[in-house]
PDB file of all heavy atoms in Angstrom:
ATOM      1  N   GLN A   1      18.005   0.633  -5.933  1.00  0.00           N
ATOM      2  CA  GLN A   1      18.471  -0.477  -5.100  1.00  0.00           C
ATOM      3  C   GLN A   1      17.607  -1.713  -5.343  1.00  0.00           C
ATOM      4  O   GLN A   1      16.397  -1.609  -5.515  1.00  0.00           O
ATOM      5  CB  GLN A   1      18.417  -0.037  -3.632  1.00  0.00           C
ATOM      6  CG  GLN A   1      19.089  -0.976  -2.668  1.00  0.00           C
ATOM      7  CD  GLN A   1      18.123  -1.951  -2.033  1.00  0.00           C
ATOM      8  OE1 GLN A   1      16.896  -1.765  -2.104  1.00  0.00           O
ATOM      9  NE2 GLN A   1      18.658  -2.987  -1.441  1.00  0.00           N
ATOM     10  N   PHE A   2      18.216  -2.907  -5.361  1.00  0.00           N
ATOM     11  CA  PHE A   2      17.520  -4.103  -5.829  1.00  0.00           C
ATOM     12  C   PHE A   2      16.250  -4.390  -5.030  1.00  0.00           C
ATOM     13  O   PHE A   2      15.196  -4.692  -5.599  1.00  0.00           O
ATOM     14  CB  PHE A   2      18.452  -5.317  -5.793  1.00  0.00           C
ATOM     15  CG  PHE A   2      17.795  -6.580  -6.256  1.00  0.00           C
ATOM     16  CD1 PHE A   2      17.458  -6.757  -7.590  1.00  0.00           C
ATOM     17  CD2 PHE A   2      17.478  -7.578  -5.349  1.00  0.00           C
ATOM     18  CE1 PHE A   2      16.830  -7.922  -8.016  1.00  0.00           C
ATOM     19  CE2 PHE A   2      16.846  -8.744  -5.765  1.00  0.00           C
ATOM     20  CZ  PHE A   2      16.525  -8.916  -7.100  1.00  0.00           C
ATOM     21  N   GLY A   3      16.338  -4.311  -3.704  1.00  0.00           N
ATOM     22  CA  GLY A   3      15.143  -4.550  -2.906  1.00  0.00           C
ATOM     23  C   GLY A   3      14.033  -3.562  -3.213  1.00  0.00           C
ATOM     24  O   GLY A   3      12.851  -3.916  -3.220  1.00  0.00           O
ATOM     25  N   GLU A   4      14.398  -2.319  -3.499  1.00  0.00           N
ATOM     26  CA  GLU A   4      13.407  -1.308  -3.861  1.00  0.00           C
ATOM     27  C   GLU A   4      12.795  -1.619  -5.225  1.00  0.00           C
ATOM     28  O   GLU A   4      11.598  -1.370  -5.451  1.00  0.00           O
ATOM     29  CB  GLU A   4      14.048   0.072  -3.863  1.00  0.00           C
ATOM     30  CG  GLU A   4      13.062   1.224  -3.909  1.00  0.00           C
ATOM     31  CD  GLU A   4      12.143   1.291  -2.705  1.00  0.00           C
ATOM     32  OE1 GLU A   4      12.538   0.821  -1.618  1.00  0.00           O
ATOM     33  OE2 GLU A   4      11.021   1.815  -2.863  1.00  0.00           O
ATOM     34  N   GLU A   5      13.593  -2.162  -6.138  1.00  0.00           N
ATOM     35  CA  GLU A   5      13.067  -2.580  -7.445  1.00  0.00           C
ATOM     36  C   GLU A   5      11.977  -3.639  -7.274  1.00  0.00           C
ATOM     37  O   GLU A   5      10.915  -3.572  -7.896  1.00  0.00           O
ATOM     38  CB  GLU A   5      14.199  -3.130  -8.316  1.00  0.00           C
ATOM     39  CG  GLU A   5      15.090  -2.077  -8.933  1.00  0.00           C
ATOM     40  CD  GLU A   5      14.392  -1.287 -10.037  1.00  0.00           C
ATOM     41  OE1 GLU A   5      13.521  -1.843 -10.721  1.00  0.00           O
ATOM     42  OE2 GLU A   5      14.708  -0.101 -10.189  1.00  0.00           O
ATOM     43  N   VAL A   6      12.253  -4.619  -6.421  1.00  0.00           N
ATOM     44  CA  VAL A   6      11.272  -5.683  -6.173  1.00  0.00           C
ATOM     45  C   VAL A   6      10.006  -5.103  -5.559  1.00  0.00           C
ATOM     46  O   VAL A   6       8.877  -5.396  -5.997  1.00  0.00           O
ATOM     47  CB  VAL A   6      11.883  -6.760  -5.248  1.00  0.00           C
ATOM     48  CG1 VAL A   6      10.817  -7.787  -4.848  1.00  0.00           C
ATOM     49  CG2 VAL A   6      13.063  -7.453  -5.928  1.00  0.00           C
ATOM     50  N   LYS A   7      10.174  -4.272  -4.549  1.00  0.00           N
ATOM     51  CA  LYS A   7       9.020  -3.673  -3.853  1.00  0.00           C
ATOM     52  C   LYS A   7       8.164  -2.847  -4.801  1.00  0.00           C
ATOM     53  O   LYS A   7       6.922  -2.968  -4.820  1.00  0.00           O
ATOM     54  CB  LYS A   7       9.528  -2.818  -2.697  1.00  0.00           C
ATOM     55  CG  LYS A   7       8.455  -2.171  -1.841  1.00  0.00           C
ATOM     56  CD  LYS A   7       9.127  -1.399  -0.706  1.00  0.00           C
ATOM     57  CE  LYS A   7       8.121  -0.721   0.197  1.00  0.00           C
ATOM     58  NZ  LYS A   7       8.792  -0.002   1.315  1.00  0.00           N
ATOM     59  N   THR A   8       8.799  -2.012  -5.607  1.00  0.00           N
ATOM     60  CA  THR A   8       8.063  -1.161  -6.536  1.00  0.00           C
ATOM     61  C   THR A   8       7.323  -1.980  -7.575  1.00  0.00           C
ATOM     62  O   THR A   8       6.169  -1.685  -7.923  1.00  0.00           O
ATOM     63  CB  THR A   8       9.029  -0.180  -7.229  1.00  0.00           C
ATOM     64  OG1 THR A   8       9.689   0.611  -6.242  1.00  0.00           O
ATOM     65  CG2 THR A   8       8.284   0.740  -8.182  1.00  0.00           C
ATOM     66  N   ALA A   9       7.972  -3.029  -8.075  1.00  0.00           N
ATOM     67  CA  ALA A   9       7.353  -3.855  -9.116  1.00  0.00           C
ATOM     68  C   ALA A   9       6.135  -4.599  -8.588  1.00  0.00           C
ATOM     69  O   ALA A   9       5.067  -4.603  -9.215  1.00  0.00           O
ATOM     70  CB  ALA A   9       8.383  -4.839  -9.665  1.00  0.00           C
ATOM     71  N   VAL A  10       6.279  -5.244  -7.431  1.00  0.00           N
ATOM     72  CA  VAL A  10       5.172  -6.041  -6.887  1.00  0.00           C
ATOM     73  C   VAL A  10       4.031  -5.127  -6.433  1.00  0.00           C
ATOM     74  O   VAL A  10       2.857  -5.365  -6.743  1.00  0.00           O
ATOM     75  CB  VAL A  10       5.669  -6.931  -5.736  1.00  0.00           C
ATOM     76  CG1 VAL A  10       4.503  -7.681  -5.093  1.00  0.00           C
ATOM     77  CG2 VAL A  10       6.719  -7.919  -6.235  1.00  0.00           C
ATOM     78  N   LEU A  11       4.367  -4.054  -5.706  1.00  0.00           N
ATOM     79  CA  LEU A  11       3.323  -3.142  -5.240  1.00  0.00           C
ATOM     80  C   LEU A  11       2.612  -2.447  -6.395  1.00  0.00           C
ATOM     81  O   LEU A  11       1.424  -2.142  -6.311  1.00  0.00           O
ATOM     82  CB  LEU A  11       3.916  -2.095  -4.306  1.00  0.00           C
ATOM     83  CG  LEU A  11       4.017  -2.450  -2.830  1.00  0.00           C
ATOM     84  CD1 LEU A  11       4.616  -1.298  -2.052  1.00  0.00           C
ATOM     85  CD2 LEU A  11       2.668  -2.838  -2.249  1.00  0.00           C
ATOM     86  N   GLY A  12       3.341  -2.194  -7.487  1.00  0.00           N
ATOM     87  CA  GLY A  12       2.712  -1.565  -8.641  1.00  0.00           C
ATOM     88  C   GLY A  12       1.540  -2.374  -9.158  1.00  0.00           C
ATOM     89  O   GLY A  12       0.505  -1.825  -9.563  1.00  0.00           O
ATOM     90  N   THR A  13       1.682  -3.703  -9.117  1.00  0.00           N
ATOM     91  CA  THR A  13       0.588  -4.577  -9.548  1.00  0.00           C
ATOM     92  C   THR A  13      -0.501  -4.660  -8.490  1.00  0.00           C
ATOM     93  O   THR A  13      -1.699  -4.621  -8.801  1.00  0.00           O
ATOM     94  CB  THR A  13       1.133  -5.985  -9.867  1.00  0.00           C
ATOM     95  OG1 THR A  13       2.076  -5.886 -10.926  1.00  0.00           O
ATOM     96  CG2 THR A  13       0.015  -6.921 -10.283  1.00  0.00           C
ATOM     97  N   VAL A  14      -0.112  -4.772  -7.226  1.00  0.00           N
ATOM     98  CA  VAL A  14      -1.104  -4.857  -6.143  1.00  0.00           C
ATOM     99  C   VAL A  14      -1.995  -3.615  -6.138  1.00  0.00           C
ATOM    100  O   VAL A  14      -3.224  -3.696  -6.047  1.00  0.00           O
ATOM    101  CB  VAL A  14      -0.396  -5.021  -4.785  1.00  0.00           C
ATOM    102  CG1 VAL A  14      -1.408  -4.926  -3.641  1.00  0.00           C
ATOM    103  CG2 VAL A  14       0.354  -6.345  -4.717  1.00  0.00           C
ATOM    104  N   LEU A  15      -1.369  -2.444  -6.252  1.00  0.00           N
ATOM    105  CA  LEU A  15      -2.105  -1.186  -6.129  1.00  0.00           C
ATOM    106  C   LEU A  15      -2.788  -0.758  -7.425  1.00  0.00           C
ATOM    107  O   LEU A  15      -3.465   0.273  -7.448  1.00  0.00           O
ATOM    108  CB  LEU A  15      -1.156  -0.075  -5.666  1.00  0.00           C
ATOM    109  CG  LEU A  15      -0.493  -0.286  -4.299  1.00  0.00           C
ATOM    110  CD1 LEU A  15       0.511   0.825  -4.009  1.00  0.00           C
ATOM    111  CD2 LEU A  15      -1.532  -0.372  -3.189  1.00  0.00           C
ATOM    112  N   ALA A  16      -2.607  -1.519  -8.498  1.00  0.00           N
ATOM    113  CA  ALA A  16      -3.289  -1.181  -9.751  1.00  0.00           C
ATOM    114  C   ALA A  16      -4.797  -1.385  -9.643  1.00  0.00           C
ATOM    115  O   ALA A  16      -5.555  -0.858 -10.462  1.00  0.00           O
ATOM    116  CB  ALA A  16      -2.720  -2.010 -10.903  1.00  0.00           C
ATOM    117  N   ASP A  17      -5.243  -2.159  -8.654  1.00  0.00           N
ATOM    118  CA  ASP A  17      -6.673  -2.329  -8.386  1.00  0.00           C
ATOM    119  C   ASP A  17      -7.122  -1.203  -7.457  1.00  0.00           C
ATOM    120  O   ASP A  17      -6.563  -1.016  -6.375  1.00  0.00           O
ATOM    121  CB  ASP A  17      -6.923  -3.694  -7.735  1.00  0.00           C
ATOM    122  CG  ASP A  17      -8.395  -4.043  -7.663  1.00  0.00           C
ATOM    123  OD1 ASP A  17      -9.174  -3.248  -7.106  1.00  0.00           O
ATOM    124  OD2 ASP A  17      -8.768  -5.131  -8.163  1.00  0.00           O
ATOM    125  N   SER A  18      -8.127  -0.449  -7.864  1.00  0.00           N
ATOM    126  CA  SER A  18      -8.563   0.734  -7.107  1.00  0.00           C
ATOM    127  C   SER A  18      -9.150   0.377  -5.744  1.00  0.00           C
ATOM    128  O   SER A  18      -9.325   1.262  -4.903  1.00  0.00           O
ATOM    129  CB  SER A  18      -9.589   1.524  -7.917  1.00  0.00           C
ATOM    130  OG  SER A  18     -10.733   0.727  -8.190  1.00  0.00           O
ATOM    131  N   ARG A  19      -9.425  -0.902  -5.499  1.00  0.00           N
ATOM    132  CA  ARG A  19      -9.956  -1.304  -4.192  1.00  0.00           C
ATOM    133  C   ARG A  19      -8.863  -1.405  -3.131  1.00  0.00           C
ATOM    134  O   ARG A  19      -9.158  -1.568  -1.943  1.00  0.00           O
ATOM    135  CB  ARG A  19     -10.684  -2.643  -4.320  1.00  0.00           C
ATOM    136  CG  ARG A  19     -11.976  -2.577  -5.114  1.00  0.00           C
ATOM    137  CD  ARG A  19     -12.539  -3.951  -5.395  1.00  0.00           C
ATOM    138  NE  ARG A  19     -11.708  -4.692  -6.352  1.00  0.00           N
ATOM    139  CZ  ARG A  19     -11.998  -5.915  -6.807  1.00  0.00           C
ATOM    140  NH1 ARG A  19     -13.098  -6.529  -6.367  1.00  0.00           N
ATOM    141  NH2 ARG A  19     -11.212  -6.511  -7.679  1.00  0.00           N
ATOM    142  N   ILE A  20      -7.596  -1.337  -3.553  1.00  0.00           N
ATOM    143  CA  ILE A  20      -6.470  -1.475  -2.632  1.00  0.00           C
ATOM    144  C   ILE A  20      -5.637  -0.205  -2.676  1.00  0.00           C
ATOM    145  O   ILE A  20      -5.374   0.336  -3.754  1.00  0.00           O
ATOM    146  CB  ILE A  20      -5.589  -2.686  -3.010  1.00  0.00           C
ATOM    147  CG1 ILE A  20      -6.423  -3.965  -3.059  1.00  0.00           C
ATOM    148  CG2 ILE A  20      -4.432  -2.845  -2.024  1.00  0.00           C
ATOM    149  CD1 ILE A  20      -5.666  -5.173  -3.585  1.00  0.00           C
ATOM    150  N   ALA A  21      -5.215   0.263  -1.514  1.00  0.00           N
ATOM    151  CA  ALA A  21      -4.351   1.446  -1.441  1.00  0.00           C
ATOM    152  C   ALA A  21      -3.279   1.224  -0.395  1.00  0.00           C
ATOM    153  O   ALA A  21      -3.443   0.409   0.526  1.00  0.00           O
ATOM    154  CB  ALA A  21      -5.155   2.696  -1.110  1.00  0.00           C
ATOM    155  N   GLN A  22      -2.172   1.934  -0.542  1.00  0.00           N
ATOM    156  CA  GLN A  22      -1.120   1.904   0.468  1.00  0.00           C
ATOM    157  C   GLN A  22      -1.509   2.837   1.599  1.00  0.00           C
ATOM    158  O   GLN A  22      -1.854   4.001   1.373  1.00  0.00           O
ATOM    159  CB  GLN A  22       0.212   2.323  -0.139  1.00  0.00           C
ATOM    160  CG  GLN A  22       1.381   2.230   0.828  1.00  0.00           C
ATOM    161  CD  GLN A  22       2.706   2.463   0.136  1.00  0.00           C
ATOM    162  OE1 GLN A  22       2.829   2.274  -1.069  1.00  0.00           O
ATOM    163  NE2 GLN A  22       3.701   2.888   0.893  1.00  0.00           N
ATOM    164  N   ALA A  23      -1.450   2.322   2.820  1.00  0.00           N
ATOM    165  CA  ALA A  23      -1.836   3.135   3.974  1.00  0.00           C
ATOM    166  C   ALA A  23      -0.867   4.286   4.149  1.00  0.00           C
ATOM    167  O   ALA A  23       0.338   4.117   3.932  1.00  0.00           O
ATOM    168  CB  ALA A  23      -1.871   2.274   5.232  1.00  0.00           C
ATOM    169  N   PRO A  24      -1.333   5.439   4.534  1.00  0.00           N
ATOM    170  CA  PRO A  24      -0.438   6.578   4.764  1.00  0.00           C
ATOM    171  C   PRO A  24       0.462   6.317   5.951  1.00  0.00           C
ATOM    172  O   PRO A  24       0.118   5.563   6.862  1.00  0.00           O
ATOM    173  CB  PRO A  24      -1.395   7.737   5.024  1.00  0.00           C
ATOM    174  CG  PRO A  24      -2.652   7.094   5.504  1.00  0.00           C
ATOM    175  CD  PRO A  24      -2.747   5.777   4.800  1.00  0.00           C
ATOM    176  N   ALA A  25       1.637   6.953   5.927  1.00  0.00           N
ATOM    177  CA  ALA A  25       2.595   6.757   7.019  1.00  0.00           C
ATOM    178  C   ALA A  25       2.074   7.316   8.333  1.00  0.00           C
ATOM    179  O   ALA A  25       2.432   6.846   9.400  1.00  0.00           O
ATOM    180  CB  ALA A  25       3.920   7.414   6.657  1.00  0.00           C
ATOM    181  N   ALA A  26       1.217   8.340   8.257  1.00  0.00           N
ATOM    182  CA  ALA A  26       0.671   8.949   9.474  1.00  0.00           C
ATOM    183  C   ALA A  26      -0.767   9.391   9.196  1.00  0.00           C
ATOM    184  O   ALA A  26      -1.199   9.481   8.054  1.00  0.00           O
ATOM    185  CB  ALA A  26       1.520  10.142   9.900  1.00  0.00           C
ATOM    186  N   GLY A  27      -1.493   9.618  10.250  1.00  0.00           N
ATOM    187  CA  GLY A  27      -2.834  10.164  10.108  1.00  0.00           C
ATOM    188  C   GLY A  27      -3.921   9.125   9.903  1.00  0.00           C
ATOM    189  O   GLY A  27      -5.074   9.458   9.694  1.00  0.00           O
ATOM    190  N   TYR A  28      -3.570   7.828   9.990  1.00  0.00           N
ATOM    191  CA  TYR A  28      -4.583   6.787   9.835  1.00  0.00           C
ATOM    192  C   TYR A  28      -5.204   6.490  11.193  1.00  0.00           C
ATOM    193  O   TYR A  28      -4.499   6.175  12.155  1.00  0.00           O
ATOM    194  CB  TYR A  28      -3.957   5.517   9.246  1.00  0.00           C
ATOM    195  CG  TYR A  28      -4.923   4.360   9.165  1.00  0.00           C
ATOM    196  CD1 TYR A  28      -5.860   4.281   8.140  1.00  0.00           C
ATOM    197  CD2 TYR A  28      -4.907   3.356  10.124  1.00  0.00           C
ATOM    198  CE1 TYR A  28      -6.749   3.227   8.067  1.00  0.00           C
ATOM    199  CE2 TYR A  28      -5.790   2.296  10.056  1.00  0.00           C
ATOM    200  CZ  TYR A  28      -6.710   2.240   9.023  1.00  0.00           C
ATOM    201  OH  TYR A  28      -7.589   1.191   8.965  1.00  0.00           O
ATOM    202  N   ALA A  29      -6.486   6.575  11.268  1.00  0.00           N
ATOM    203  CA  ALA A  29      -7.176   6.300  12.528  1.00  0.00           C
ATOM    204  C   ALA A  29      -7.313   4.792  12.724  1.00  0.00           C
ATOM    205  O   ALA A  29      -7.819   4.091  11.855  1.00  0.00           O
ATOM    206  CB  ALA A  29      -8.564   6.955  12.516  1.00  0.00           C
ATOM    207  N   GLN A  30      -6.849   4.278  13.859  1.00  0.00           N
ATOM    208  CA  GLN A  30      -6.893   2.843  14.101  1.00  0.00           C
ATOM    209  C   GLN A  30      -8.328   2.316  14.132  1.00  0.00           C
ATOM    210  O   GLN A  30      -8.568   1.150  13.892  1.00  0.00           O
ATOM    211  CB  GLN A  30      -6.181   2.515  15.426  1.00  0.00           C
ATOM    212  CG  GLN A  30      -4.685   2.751  15.381  1.00  0.00           C
ATOM    213  CD  GLN A  30      -3.997   1.813  14.418  1.00  0.00           C
ATOM    214  OE1 GLN A  30      -4.446   0.698  14.186  1.00  0.00           O
ATOM    215  NE2 GLN A  30      -2.906   2.267  13.824  1.00  0.00           N
ATOM    216  N   GLY A  31      -9.291   3.167  14.417  1.00  0.00           N
ATOM    217  CA  GLY A  31     -10.660   2.719  14.452  1.00  0.00           C
ATOM    218  C   GLY A  31     -11.334   2.691  13.093  1.00  0.00           C
ATOM    219  O   GLY A  31     -12.501   2.371  12.982  1.00  0.00           O
ATOM    220  N   ASN A  32     -10.604   3.047  12.047  1.00  0.00           N
ATOM    221  CA  ASN A  32     -11.170   3.072  10.709  1.00  0.00           C
ATOM    222  C   ASN A  32     -11.665   1.689  10.325  1.00  0.00           C
ATOM    223  O   ASN A  32     -11.025   0.681  10.606  1.00  0.00           O
ATOM    224  CB  ASN A  32     -10.111   3.561   9.715  1.00  0.00           C
ATOM    225  CG  ASN A  32     -10.724   3.996   8.405  1.00  0.00           C
ATOM    226  OD1 ASN A  32     -11.482   3.261   7.790  1.00  0.00           O
ATOM    227  ND2 ASN A  32     -10.387   5.206   7.990  1.00  0.00           N
ATOM    228  N   ALA A  33     -12.807   1.627   9.658  1.00  0.00           N
ATOM    229  CA  ALA A  33     -13.402   0.340   9.302  1.00  0.00           C
ATOM    230  C   ALA A  33     -12.697  -0.345   8.140  1.00  0.00           C
ATOM    231  O   ALA A  33     -12.934  -1.517   7.883  1.00  0.00           O
ATOM    232  CB  ALA A  33     -14.881   0.548   8.965  1.00  0.00           C
ATOM    233  N   ILE A  34     -11.842   0.362   7.433  1.00  0.00           N
ATOM    234  CA  ILE A  34     -11.145  -0.254   6.294  1.00  0.00           C
ATOM    235  C   ILE A  34     -10.113  -1.244   6.812  1.00  0.00           C
ATOM    236  O   ILE A  34      -9.252  -0.880   7.608  1.00  0.00           O
ATOM    237  CB  ILE A  34     -10.446   0.821   5.428  1.00  0.00           C
ATOM    238  CG1 ILE A  34     -11.453   1.833   4.911  1.00  0.00           C
ATOM    239  CG2 ILE A  34      -9.705   0.177   4.272  1.00  0.00           C
ATOM    240  CD1 ILE A  34     -10.823   2.967   4.121  1.00  0.00           C
ATOM    241  N   PRO A  35     -10.178  -2.520   6.398  1.00  0.00           N
ATOM    242  CA  PRO A  35      -9.178  -3.489   6.865  1.00  0.00           C
ATOM    243  C   PRO A  35      -7.775  -3.108   6.395  1.00  0.00           C
ATOM    244  O   PRO A  35      -7.590  -2.630   5.284  1.00  0.00           O
ATOM    245  CB  PRO A  35      -9.641  -4.810   6.248  1.00  0.00           C
ATOM    246  CG  PRO A  35     -10.545  -4.432   5.127  1.00  0.00           C
ATOM    247  CD  PRO A  35     -11.166  -3.128   5.500  1.00  0.00           C
ATOM    248  N   LYS A  36      -6.808  -3.354   7.270  1.00  0.00           N
ATOM    249  CA  LYS A  36      -5.433  -2.937   7.024  1.00  0.00           C
ATOM    250  C   LYS A  36      -4.510  -4.127   7.233  1.00  0.00           C
ATOM    251  O   LYS A  36      -4.623  -4.833   8.247  1.00  0.00           O
ATOM    252  CB  LYS A  36      -5.084  -1.792   7.982  1.00  0.00           C
ATOM    253  CG  LYS A  36      -3.709  -1.161   7.807  1.00  0.00           C
ATOM    254  CD  LYS A  36      -3.542  -0.039   8.835  1.00  0.00           C
ATOM    255  CE  LYS A  36      -2.213   0.644   8.740  1.00  0.00           C
ATOM    256  NZ  LYS A  36      -2.027   1.660   9.807  1.00  0.00           N
TER     257      LYS A  36
END
């Protein structure tokens, strides 16, 4: 789907840097020090 193509392409570049990760859908503690 076209919107998914855009999302995958842009995020693929964003997440290619090991300092950035996609937050998990669940299990993330709001008090975590990692900026979100």
